[in-house]
Amino acid sequence: MSTVTIPRLDLNTYINGTAEERKQFSNDIGKAFNETGFVTITNHGLSKELIDKLYDQVKALFAEPDAVKQQYEIPGLAGQRGYTGKGKETAKGFKTPDLKEFWQIGQTVTDDDVLKAQYPDNVTVNELPEFNPTTIEVYKKLEAAGKHLLRAIAVYLELPENYFDDKVHNGNSILRTLHYFPITDPDSVPDDAVRAGAHEDINLITLLIGASADGLELLTRDNTWFPVKAYGEDLVVNVGDMLQRLTNNKLKSTTHRVVNPPRELMKFSRFSVPFFLHPKSGMDLTSLDSCIDEQHPKLYTDITAGEYLDERLREIGLKM
């Protein structure tokens, strides 16, 4: 089994550090994303109090009866807002749906950007008056942290530091609150049913706010599974397929999964909250010329972010 090092980086050293510290952060995140595709991040702007409040709200949401949650499942939105029930999402290449349910919060455009008309409104949880304000606050803070991380990545790629800024401003990012529900009778689920089948994320980068239990694993380059653990309130950040395409595989979109716990623990829930940072749908994902050479020929066809998202939503069963 290979030794996997997932660096723990302090975002504050990039935002407020010296030129030397900022350059080191950029080099470190680039190297990690080149090798494993994962880092953990401290000083990301979310307080412990806000994270605790978020998880309290998420647990309260999924404790609601199925009949209540199903009222918030909106046909035609491919799960991009509101509730998506059990058995609806299947990892690409799998036939058995994941053992989970989730709720998604999208972009709230507050300026006069014409994109506002393209985004559906977020769904209000009438039973939980604190749910929407809390998740929107978390969304905005993770979006801000993500923009700083993309600036560091741009520097690593020898692009202008602000290369991604206009592409992700009012981007199609998603905050997903996830419930891996209890399995009271493990013998009743298919042998190949798991909490989240092996997959790669669709977006530019994913920022994950911890989880209530272990289970997240990444696939190493020598094809072994390695458990990913964060310290306390750290974010786990990984590369998505859009950034991999843009960089012609220079930055690595790592395969990861959420495995089932031992049988005696399957009766307990697992909660997790990833933020999928997407650009605007019109962003050109054509691989950067600087990432293509004789040793690294161009691997991907040209496509926009919106076209790629649409393709992937169909592959995972959320869009027909």
Protein backbone atom coordinates (compact mmCIF):
# COMPACT_ATOMS: atom_id res chain seq x y z
CA MET A 1 0.00 0.00 0.00
CA SER A 2 1.33 3.41 -0.94
CA THR A 3 1.92 6.16 1.58
CA VAL A 4 -0.52 9.00 0.94
CA THR A 5 0.15 12.45 2.32
CA ILE A 6 -2.80 14.85 2.34
CA PRO A 7 -1.34 18.26 3.26
CA ARG A 8 -3.02 20.44 5.87
CA LEU A 9 -2.81 24.04 4.64
CA ASP A 10 -3.75 27.32 6.32
CA LEU A 11 -5.83 29.49 3.96
CA ASN A 12 -5.02 32.58 6.01
CA THR A 13 -1.38 32.32 4.90
CA TYR A 14 -2.57 32.78 1.32
CA ILE A 15 -5.07 35.55 2.02
CA ASN A 16 -2.94 37.60 4.43
CA GLY A 17 0.57 36.12 4.20
CA THR A 18 3.79 37.49 2.78
CA ALA A 19 4.59 37.08 -0.90
CA GLU A 20 6.81 34.12 0.03
CA GLU A 21 4.09 32.47 2.15
CA ARG A 22 1.50 32.97 -0.58
CA LYS A 23 3.80 31.43 -3.18
CA GLN A 24 4.50 28.47 -0.88
CA PHE A 25 0.76 27.90 -0.33
CA SER A 26 0.17 27.98 -4.09
CA ASN A 27 3.01 25.50 -4.70
CA ASP A 28 1.76 23.20 -1.92
CA ILE A 29 -1.84 23.08 -3.11
CA GLY A 30 -0.74 22.62 -6.72
CA LYS A 31 1.59 19.77 -5.80
CA ALA A 32 -1.14 18.03 -3.74
CA PHE A 33 -3.71 18.44 -6.51
CA ASN A 34 -1.15 17.10 -8.98
CA GLU A 35 -0.47 14.03 -6.84
CA THR A 36 -3.53 12.98 -4.80
CA GLY A 37 -6.16 15.57 -5.68
CA PHE A 38 -6.92 16.27 -1.98
CA VAL A 39 -5.90 18.77 0.73
CA THR A 40 -7.35 19.79 4.09
CA ILE A 41 -7.75 23.51 4.81
CA THR A 42 -7.76 25.43 8.10
CA ASN A 43 -8.78 29.07 8.72
CA HIS A 44 -11.38 28.92 5.96
CA GLY A 45 -13.83 31.44 7.43
CA LEU A 46 -16.43 29.14 8.99
CA SER A 47 -16.62 29.20 12.77
CA LYS A 48 -17.23 26.09 14.86
CA GLU A 49 -20.51 27.67 15.99
CA LEU A 50 -21.72 28.06 12.40
CA ILE A 51 -20.69 24.50 11.50
CA ASP A 52 -22.48 23.13 14.57
CA LYS A 53 -25.59 25.14 13.73
CA LEU A 54 -25.47 23.85 10.15
CA TYR A 55 -25.31 20.22 11.23
CA ASP A 56 -28.13 20.76 13.74
CA GLN A 57 -30.30 22.08 10.92
CA VAL A 58 -29.30 19.28 8.53
CA LYS A 59 -30.11 16.60 11.10
CA ALA A 60 -33.48 18.26 11.82
CA LEU A 61 -34.30 18.38 8.10
CA PHE A 62 -33.68 14.71 7.49
CA ALA A 63 -35.51 13.75 10.69
CA GLU A 64 -38.71 15.08 9.09
CA PRO A 65 -41.11 12.37 7.86
CA ASP A 66 -40.61 11.22 4.26
CA ALA A 67 -44.02 12.63 3.38
CA VAL A 68 -42.85 16.10 4.43
CA LYS A 69 -39.50 15.89 2.59
CA GLN A 70 -41.13 14.58 -0.58
CA GLN A 71 -43.21 17.76 -0.80
CA TYR A 72 -39.93 19.54 -1.54
CA GLU A 73 -38.87 17.28 -4.41
CA ILE A 74 -39.27 19.48 -7.48
CA PRO A 75 -39.83 17.68 -10.82
CA GLY A 76 -37.76 18.92 -13.72
CA LEU A 77 -34.90 20.42 -11.67
CA ALA A 78 -32.66 17.30 -11.79
CA GLY A 79 -32.22 17.60 -8.03
CA GLN A 80 -30.48 20.97 -8.36
CA ARG A 81 -32.73 22.58 -5.73
CA GLY A 82 -34.60 21.11 -2.78
CA TYR A 83 -34.95 17.46 -1.86
CA THR A 84 -33.82 14.34 -3.71
CA GLY A 85 -35.12 11.12 -2.21
CA LYS A 86 -33.63 7.72 -1.54
CA GLY A 87 -32.67 5.60 -4.52
CA LYS A 88 -32.49 8.51 -6.99
CA GLU A 89 -28.75 9.01 -7.62
CA THR A 90 -26.46 6.30 -8.99
CA ALA A 91 -22.70 6.77 -9.35
CA LYS A 92 -21.51 6.78 -12.98
CA GLY A 93 -20.93 3.20 -14.12
CA PHE A 94 -23.01 1.66 -11.30
CA LYS A 95 -26.46 0.08 -11.57
CA THR A 96 -27.47 0.18 -7.88
CA PRO A 97 -28.41 3.59 -6.41
CA ASP A 98 -26.44 5.06 -3.52
CA LEU A 99 -27.78 4.64 0.02
CA LYS A 100 -28.49 8.33 0.60
CA GLU A 101 -30.91 11.24 0.33
CA PHE A 102 -29.94 14.90 -0.06
CA TRP A 103 -31.03 18.52 -0.27
CA GLN A 104 -29.37 21.07 -2.55
CA ILE A 105 -29.01 24.84 -2.24
CA GLY A 106 -27.95 26.89 -5.27
CA GLN A 107 -26.71 30.33 -6.18
CA THR A 108 -28.54 33.43 -4.95
CA VAL A 109 -27.79 36.31 -7.33
CA THR A 110 -27.85 39.59 -5.41
CA ASP A 111 -26.62 41.96 -8.13
CA ASP A 112 -28.18 42.77 -11.50
CA ASP A 113 -26.45 39.89 -13.31
CA VAL A 114 -28.65 38.55 -16.13
CA LEU A 115 -27.83 35.04 -14.87
CA LYS A 116 -30.42 35.58 -12.14
CA ALA A 117 -33.17 34.60 -14.59
CA GLN A 118 -31.44 31.27 -15.34
CA TYR A 119 -31.26 30.00 -11.76
CA PRO A 120 -34.30 28.50 -10.03
CA ASP A 121 -35.12 29.87 -6.59
CA ASN A 122 -33.96 27.96 -3.57
CA VAL A 123 -36.65 25.93 -1.80
CA THR A 124 -37.76 27.20 1.60
CA VAL A 125 -38.12 24.61 4.38
CA ASN A 126 -41.29 25.83 6.07
CA GLU A 127 -40.85 23.53 9.07
CA LEU A 128 -37.35 24.89 9.90
CA PRO A 129 -37.14 28.70 9.83
CA GLU A 130 -33.36 28.65 10.50
CA PHE A 131 -32.48 26.16 7.75
CA ASN A 132 -32.43 28.52 4.78
CA PRO A 133 -30.60 31.46 6.46
CA THR A 134 -27.99 29.07 7.88
CA THR A 135 -27.33 27.21 4.63
CA ILE A 136 -27.16 30.45 2.61
CA GLU A 137 -24.59 31.87 5.08
CA VAL A 138 -22.52 28.68 4.79
CA TYR A 139 -22.84 28.78 0.99
CA LYS A 140 -21.49 32.34 0.79
CA LYS A 141 -18.57 31.63 3.13
CA LEU A 142 -17.55 28.50 1.24
CA GLU A 143 -17.89 30.34 -2.05
CA ALA A 144 -15.52 33.03 -0.74
CA ALA A 145 -13.00 30.43 0.49
CA GLY A 146 -13.24 28.64 -2.84
CA LYS A 147 -12.42 31.82 -4.76
CA HIS A 148 -9.23 32.26 -2.73
CA LEU A 149 -8.27 28.64 -3.36
CA LEU A 150 -8.83 29.08 -7.10
CA ARG A 151 -6.57 32.14 -7.03
CA ALA A 152 -3.81 30.04 -5.48
CA ILE A 153 -4.41 27.36 -8.12
CA ALA A 154 -4.27 29.96 -10.90
CA VAL A 155 -0.87 31.12 -9.64
CA TYR A 156 0.37 27.51 -9.60
CA LEU A 157 -0.80 27.14 -13.21
CA GLU A 158 1.07 30.36 -14.10
CA LEU A 159 -2.19 32.08 -15.00
CA PRO A 160 -3.20 35.57 -13.82
CA GLU A 161 -4.18 35.27 -10.15
CA ASN A 162 -7.73 36.45 -10.89
CA TYR A 163 -8.19 34.08 -13.86
CA PHE A 164 -11.16 32.29 -12.28
CA ASP A 165 -12.80 35.29 -10.58
CA ASP A 166 -15.21 36.34 -13.32
CA LYS A 167 -15.89 32.73 -14.25
CA VAL A 168 -17.14 31.76 -10.78
CA HIS A 169 -18.84 35.05 -9.84
CA ASN A 170 -22.52 34.05 -9.63
CA GLY A 171 -21.44 30.59 -10.74
CA ASN A 172 -23.69 27.54 -10.70
CA SER A 173 -22.29 26.23 -7.38
CA ILE A 174 -24.25 23.83 -5.19
CA LEU A 175 -24.29 23.24 -1.43
CA ARG A 176 -25.43 19.67 -0.83
CA THR A 177 -26.61 18.48 2.58
CA LEU A 178 -26.37 14.69 2.66
CA HIS A 179 -27.96 12.01 4.81
CA TYR A 180 -26.68 8.46 4.55
CA PHE A 181 -29.70 6.93 6.22
CA PRO A 182 -29.65 4.06 8.74
CA ILE A 183 -29.87 0.51 7.49
CA THR A 184 -31.79 -1.40 10.14
CA ASP A 185 -31.75 -4.65 8.16
CA PRO A 186 -28.40 -4.99 6.31
CA ASP A 187 -29.53 -8.25 4.71
CA SER A 188 -32.30 -6.39 2.89
CA VAL A 189 -29.96 -4.20 0.78
CA PRO A 190 -28.24 -5.44 -2.39
CA ASP A 191 -24.67 -6.67 -1.94
CA ASP A 192 -23.35 -3.91 -4.19
CA ALA A 193 -25.28 -1.09 -2.47
CA VAL A 194 -22.98 1.50 -0.84
CA ARG A 195 -23.41 4.93 0.67
CA ALA A 196 -21.68 6.56 -2.31
CA GLY A 197 -20.24 4.54 -5.17
CA ALA A 198 -16.77 5.34 -6.47
CA HIS A 199 -16.95 8.56 -8.47
CA GLU A 200 -15.26 11.81 -9.42
CA ASP A 201 -16.89 15.19 -8.77
CA ILE A 202 -18.20 17.16 -11.74
CA ASN A 203 -17.18 20.70 -10.75
CA LEU A 204 -13.96 22.76 -10.43
CA ILE A 205 -13.25 22.06 -6.74
CA THR A 206 -15.25 20.58 -3.86
CA LEU A 207 -15.08 21.93 -0.30
CA LEU A 208 -16.36 19.39 2.24
CA ILE A 209 -17.31 20.43 5.78
CA GLY A 210 -16.27 17.40 7.78
CA ALA A 211 -18.75 14.58 8.30
CA SER A 212 -20.48 13.00 11.26
CA ALA A 213 -18.72 9.64 10.74
CA ASP A 214 -15.84 8.00 8.89
CA GLY A 215 -16.28 6.43 5.47
CA LEU A 216 -14.71 8.75 2.88
CA GLU A 217 -11.90 7.04 0.93
CA LEU A 218 -9.79 8.09 -2.07
CA LEU A 219 -8.29 5.84 -4.73
CA THR A 220 -4.50 6.18 -4.82
CA ARG A 221 -2.40 6.06 -7.97
CA ASP A 222 -1.44 2.44 -7.24
CA ASN A 223 -5.15 1.56 -7.10
CA THR A 224 -5.61 1.15 -3.34
CA TRP A 225 -8.25 2.84 -1.18
CA PHE A 226 -7.06 5.33 1.45
CA PRO A 227 -9.30 6.74 4.23
CA VAL A 228 -9.56 10.55 4.31
CA LYS A 229 -9.92 12.14 7.72
CA ALA A 230 -10.12 15.84 8.57
CA TYR A 231 -9.12 17.47 11.84
CA GLY A 232 -12.06 18.97 13.69
CA GLU A 233 -13.51 21.77 11.60
CA ASP A 234 -11.05 21.55 8.68
CA LEU A 235 -12.35 21.52 5.12
CA VAL A 236 -11.45 18.63 2.85
CA VAL A 237 -10.89 20.06 -0.64
CA ASN A 238 -10.55 18.06 -3.85
CA VAL A 239 -10.27 18.63 -7.58
CA GLY A 240 -13.31 18.06 -9.79
CA ASP A 241 -13.51 16.90 -13.39
CA MET A 242 -13.96 20.41 -14.81
CA LEU A 243 -10.59 21.52 -13.42
CA GLN A 244 -9.02 18.26 -14.56
CA ARG A 245 -10.30 18.86 -18.10
CA LEU A 246 -9.14 22.48 -18.08
CA THR A 247 -5.63 21.43 -17.00
CA ASN A 248 -5.44 18.36 -19.28
CA ASN A 249 -4.97 16.11 -16.21
CA LYS A 250 -2.20 18.23 -14.68
CA LEU A 251 -4.50 18.60 -11.65
CA LYS A 252 -6.04 15.30 -10.64
CA SER A 253 -9.74 14.59 -10.14
CA THR A 254 -9.40 11.72 -7.72
CA THR A 255 -11.85 8.85 -7.55
CA HIS A 256 -13.44 8.66 -4.10
CA ARG A 257 -16.30 6.87 -2.36
CA VAL A 258 -18.17 6.58 0.93
CA VAL A 259 -18.07 3.01 2.18
CA ASN A 260 -20.61 1.32 4.38
CA PRO A 261 -19.69 1.02 8.06
CA PRO A 262 -19.40 -2.32 9.85
CA ARG A 263 -22.78 -4.06 10.15
CA GLU A 264 -23.19 -3.08 13.80
CA LEU A 265 -22.90 0.62 12.85
CA MET A 266 -25.18 0.56 9.80
CA LYS A 267 -28.14 1.45 12.03
CA PHE A 268 -26.64 4.92 12.56
CA SER A 269 -26.96 7.89 10.22
CA ARG A 270 -24.02 9.65 8.57
CA PHE A 271 -24.31 13.33 7.60
CA SER A 272 -22.01 15.36 5.39
CA VAL A 273 -22.10 18.74 3.61
CA PRO A 274 -20.03 19.23 0.43
CA PHE A 275 -19.92 22.49 -1.53
CA PHE A 276 -19.48 21.92 -5.25
CA LEU A 277 -17.87 25.04 -6.70
CA HIS A 278 -19.04 25.45 -10.30
CA PRO A 279 -18.32 28.22 -12.78
CA LYS A 280 -20.96 29.90 -14.90
CA SER A 281 -22.37 27.50 -17.46
CA GLY A 282 -20.72 29.40 -20.31
CA MET A 283 -17.15 28.84 -19.09
CA ASP A 284 -14.99 27.25 -21.80
CA LEU A 285 -13.35 24.09 -20.43
CA THR A 286 -11.02 23.73 -23.42
CA SER A 287 -7.69 22.50 -22.04
CA LEU A 288 -5.17 25.26 -21.42
CA ASP A 289 -2.40 25.49 -24.03
CA SER A 290 0.13 25.65 -21.19
CA CYS A 291 -0.94 22.16 -20.04
CA ILE A 292 -0.47 20.55 -23.48
CA ASP A 293 2.87 19.47 -24.91
CA GLU A 294 4.54 16.52 -26.63
CA GLN A 295 4.62 14.47 -23.41
CA HIS A 296 1.06 15.54 -22.49
CA PRO A 297 -1.08 15.55 -25.64
CA LYS A 298 -4.57 17.00 -25.46
CA LEU A 299 -6.91 14.42 -23.92
CA TYR A 300 -10.34 16.06 -24.01
CA THR A 301 -12.77 17.44 -26.56
CA ASP A 302 -13.76 21.09 -26.16
CA ILE A 303 -16.92 21.67 -24.09
CA THR A 304 -18.53 24.34 -21.92
CA ALA A 305 -19.18 23.90 -18.20
CA GLY A 306 -22.94 23.87 -18.79
CA GLU A 307 -22.73 21.21 -21.49
CA TYR A 308 -20.50 19.06 -19.32
CA LEU A 309 -22.77 19.38 -16.27
CA ASP A 310 -25.78 18.38 -18.37
CA GLU A 311 -23.94 15.33 -19.69
CA ARG A 312 -22.92 14.18 -16.21
CA LEU A 313 -26.36 14.73 -14.63
CA ARG A 314 -27.76 12.35 -17.23
CA GLU A 315 -25.04 9.78 -16.51
CA ILE A 316 -25.80 9.71 -12.77
CA GLY A 317 -29.56 9.43 -13.28
CA LEU A 318 -30.67 12.86 -12.04
CA LYS A 319 -31.64 14.07 -15.51
CA MET A 320 -33.46 12.14 -18.21
